[in-house]
Amino acid sequence: MIKAYRSYWRNGFNFEGRTSRDGYWWVVLVNVIVTIALIVYMYLSTSGAIDGFVNPLAFMGPVAPIAFVVSWPVITAVPTLAMTVRRLHDTGRSGLYYLFSLIPLAGFLIMVYFLISPTKDPRNNRYGYRRQV
């Protein structure tokens, strides 16, 4: 998992090559956990006093936690797009297949199918050699 997440940031602007299925889903899991943690942090730090409980994080005010929650998707947008394109390459599809995600609901289901598909040709395909992560 750690190796996959390091590779995610190291190849954040690399739209060529391939990303394995497990490498992709480990990164998705970590990003979901970080997002949930940021939302909990925002809630706790902006809630103030509730029923006599004084929140020790309330001194920061609402600006910092909201900025963290809003900036996380912006920071991870390009690396996630690059990783998704590499995952599509691993399944033998062009990165343009990502445009299916623009179709409401059906596009999401199509993309999930593409992203859970097994690797096409484990050694080599037209997008290059398979990485371990």
Protein backbone atom coordinates (compact mmCIF):
# COMPACT_ATOMS: atom_id res chain seq x y z
CA MET A 1 0.00 0.00 0.00
CA ILE A 2 2.77 2.45 0.88
CA LYS A 3 4.66 1.60 -2.29
CA ALA A 4 1.53 2.21 -4.38
CA TYR A 5 0.91 5.58 -2.72
CA ARG A 6 4.50 6.70 -3.24
CA SER A 7 4.23 5.71 -6.89
CA TYR A 8 0.98 7.69 -7.11
CA TRP A 9 2.71 10.93 -6.08
CA ARG A 10 5.96 10.20 -7.95
CA ASN A 11 4.06 9.64 -11.22
CA GLY A 12 1.46 12.35 -10.60
CA PHE A 13 1.95 13.95 -14.01
CA ASN A 14 2.89 10.81 -15.94
CA PHE A 15 0.11 9.83 -18.34
CA GLU A 16 2.15 7.13 -20.07
CA GLY A 17 2.72 3.58 -18.99
CA ARG A 18 0.57 1.36 -16.83
CA THR A 19 -0.72 1.02 -13.26
CA SER A 20 -1.75 -2.34 -11.84
CA ARG A 21 -5.20 -3.04 -10.47
CA ASP A 22 -4.04 -3.43 -6.89
CA GLY A 23 -1.87 -0.31 -7.12
CA TYR A 24 -4.88 1.69 -8.31
CA TRP A 25 -7.30 0.49 -5.64
CA TRP A 26 -4.82 0.91 -2.76
CA VAL A 27 -4.47 4.57 -3.70
CA VAL A 28 -8.25 4.97 -3.94
CA LEU A 29 -8.61 3.47 -0.44
CA VAL A 30 -5.98 5.79 1.05
CA ASN A 31 -7.54 8.84 -0.61
CA VAL A 32 -10.98 7.91 0.75
CA ILE A 33 -9.55 7.52 4.26
CA VAL A 34 -7.77 10.88 4.03
CA THR A 35 -10.96 12.55 2.78
CA ILE A 36 -13.01 11.11 5.64
CA ALA A 37 -10.36 12.19 8.14
CA LEU A 38 -10.39 15.74 6.72
CA ILE A 39 -14.18 15.91 6.94
CA VAL A 40 -14.13 14.68 10.56
CA TYR A 41 -11.40 17.22 11.33
CA MET A 42 -13.48 19.98 9.76
CA TYR A 43 -16.53 18.98 11.77
CA LEU A 44 -14.64 18.78 15.06
CA SER A 45 -12.75 22.01 14.59
CA THR A 46 -15.77 24.08 13.55
CA SER A 47 -18.35 22.71 15.99
CA GLY A 48 -17.35 24.91 18.95
CA ALA A 49 -19.05 24.26 22.29
CA ILE A 50 -21.79 21.62 22.29
CA ASP A 51 -23.68 20.85 25.51
CA GLY A 52 -20.91 22.12 27.74
CA PHE A 53 -18.14 20.43 25.76
CA VAL A 54 -15.52 22.91 24.61
CA ASN A 55 -13.74 21.67 21.54
CA PRO A 56 -9.95 22.10 21.82
CA LEU A 57 -9.69 22.52 18.04
CA ALA A 58 -12.30 25.30 17.84
CA PHE A 59 -9.68 28.04 18.34
CA MET A 60 -8.60 27.58 14.71
CA GLY A 61 -11.93 28.82 13.45
CA PRO A 62 -13.65 27.50 10.33
CA VAL A 63 -11.19 28.79 7.73
CA ALA A 64 -8.28 26.34 8.08
CA PRO A 65 -10.28 23.07 8.17
CA ILE A 66 -12.55 24.14 5.33
CA ALA A 67 -9.49 25.12 3.30
CA PHE A 68 -8.01 21.63 3.87
CA VAL A 69 -11.23 19.88 2.82
CA VAL A 70 -11.62 22.03 -0.29
CA SER A 71 -7.97 21.90 -1.35
CA TRP A 72 -7.53 18.10 -1.08
CA PRO A 73 -9.57 17.28 -4.23
CA VAL A 74 -7.78 20.08 -6.09
CA ILE A 75 -4.35 18.79 -5.04
CA THR A 76 -5.15 15.18 -6.01
CA ALA A 77 -7.05 15.88 -9.25
CA VAL A 78 -4.18 15.61 -11.75
CA PRO A 79 -2.38 12.67 -10.06
CA THR A 80 -5.69 10.77 -9.88
CA LEU A 81 -6.44 11.48 -13.53
CA ALA A 82 -2.94 10.35 -14.53
CA MET A 83 -3.25 7.17 -12.46
CA THR A 84 -6.67 6.41 -13.97
CA VAL A 85 -5.32 6.84 -17.50
CA ARG A 86 -2.42 4.50 -16.66
CA ARG A 87 -4.90 1.98 -15.23
CA LEU A 88 -6.91 2.13 -18.46
CA HIS A 89 -3.67 1.52 -20.35
CA ASP A 90 -3.09 -1.56 -18.19
CA THR A 91 -6.43 -2.96 -19.33
CA GLY A 92 -5.49 -2.34 -22.98
CA ARG A 93 -7.70 0.74 -23.41
CA SER A 94 -6.86 4.27 -24.45
CA GLY A 95 -6.92 7.06 -21.88
CA LEU A 96 -9.74 8.62 -23.89
CA TYR A 97 -12.03 5.99 -22.39
CA TYR A 98 -11.98 8.25 -19.32
CA LEU A 99 -14.50 10.42 -21.18
CA PHE A 100 -17.13 7.76 -20.40
CA SER A 101 -17.11 9.12 -16.86
CA LEU A 102 -18.88 12.25 -18.18
CA ILE A 103 -22.05 10.23 -18.80
CA PRO A 104 -24.26 10.48 -15.69
CA LEU A 105 -24.54 7.23 -13.69
CA ALA A 106 -23.93 4.89 -16.65
CA GLY A 107 -20.50 6.44 -17.17
CA PHE A 108 -19.61 5.76 -13.54
CA LEU A 109 -20.61 2.11 -13.89
CA ILE A 110 -18.69 1.76 -17.16
CA MET A 111 -15.57 3.26 -15.56
CA VAL A 112 -15.82 0.95 -12.55
CA TYR A 113 -16.03 -2.00 -14.94
CA PHE A 114 -12.95 -0.78 -16.84
CA LEU A 115 -10.99 -0.13 -13.64
CA ILE A 116 -11.72 -3.54 -12.08
CA SER A 117 -10.94 -5.37 -15.33
CA PRO A 118 -7.90 -7.63 -15.22
CA THR A 119 -4.60 -6.67 -16.75
CA LYS A 120 -4.41 -7.26 -20.47
CA ASP A 121 -1.18 -9.06 -21.31
CA PRO A 122 0.69 -9.10 -18.00
CA ARG A 123 4.10 -8.64 -19.62
CA ASN A 124 3.70 -6.06 -22.36
CA ASN A 125 1.02 -4.30 -24.36
CA ARG A 126 1.06 -1.29 -26.66
CA TYR A 127 1.31 1.06 -23.66
CA GLY A 128 4.52 -0.45 -22.33
CA TYR A 129 5.75 -2.90 -19.78
CA ARG A 130 3.69 -3.62 -16.70
CA ARG A 131 4.87 -2.03 -13.48
CA GLN A 132 4.71 -3.90 -10.23
CA VAL A 133 2.63 -1.08 -8.68
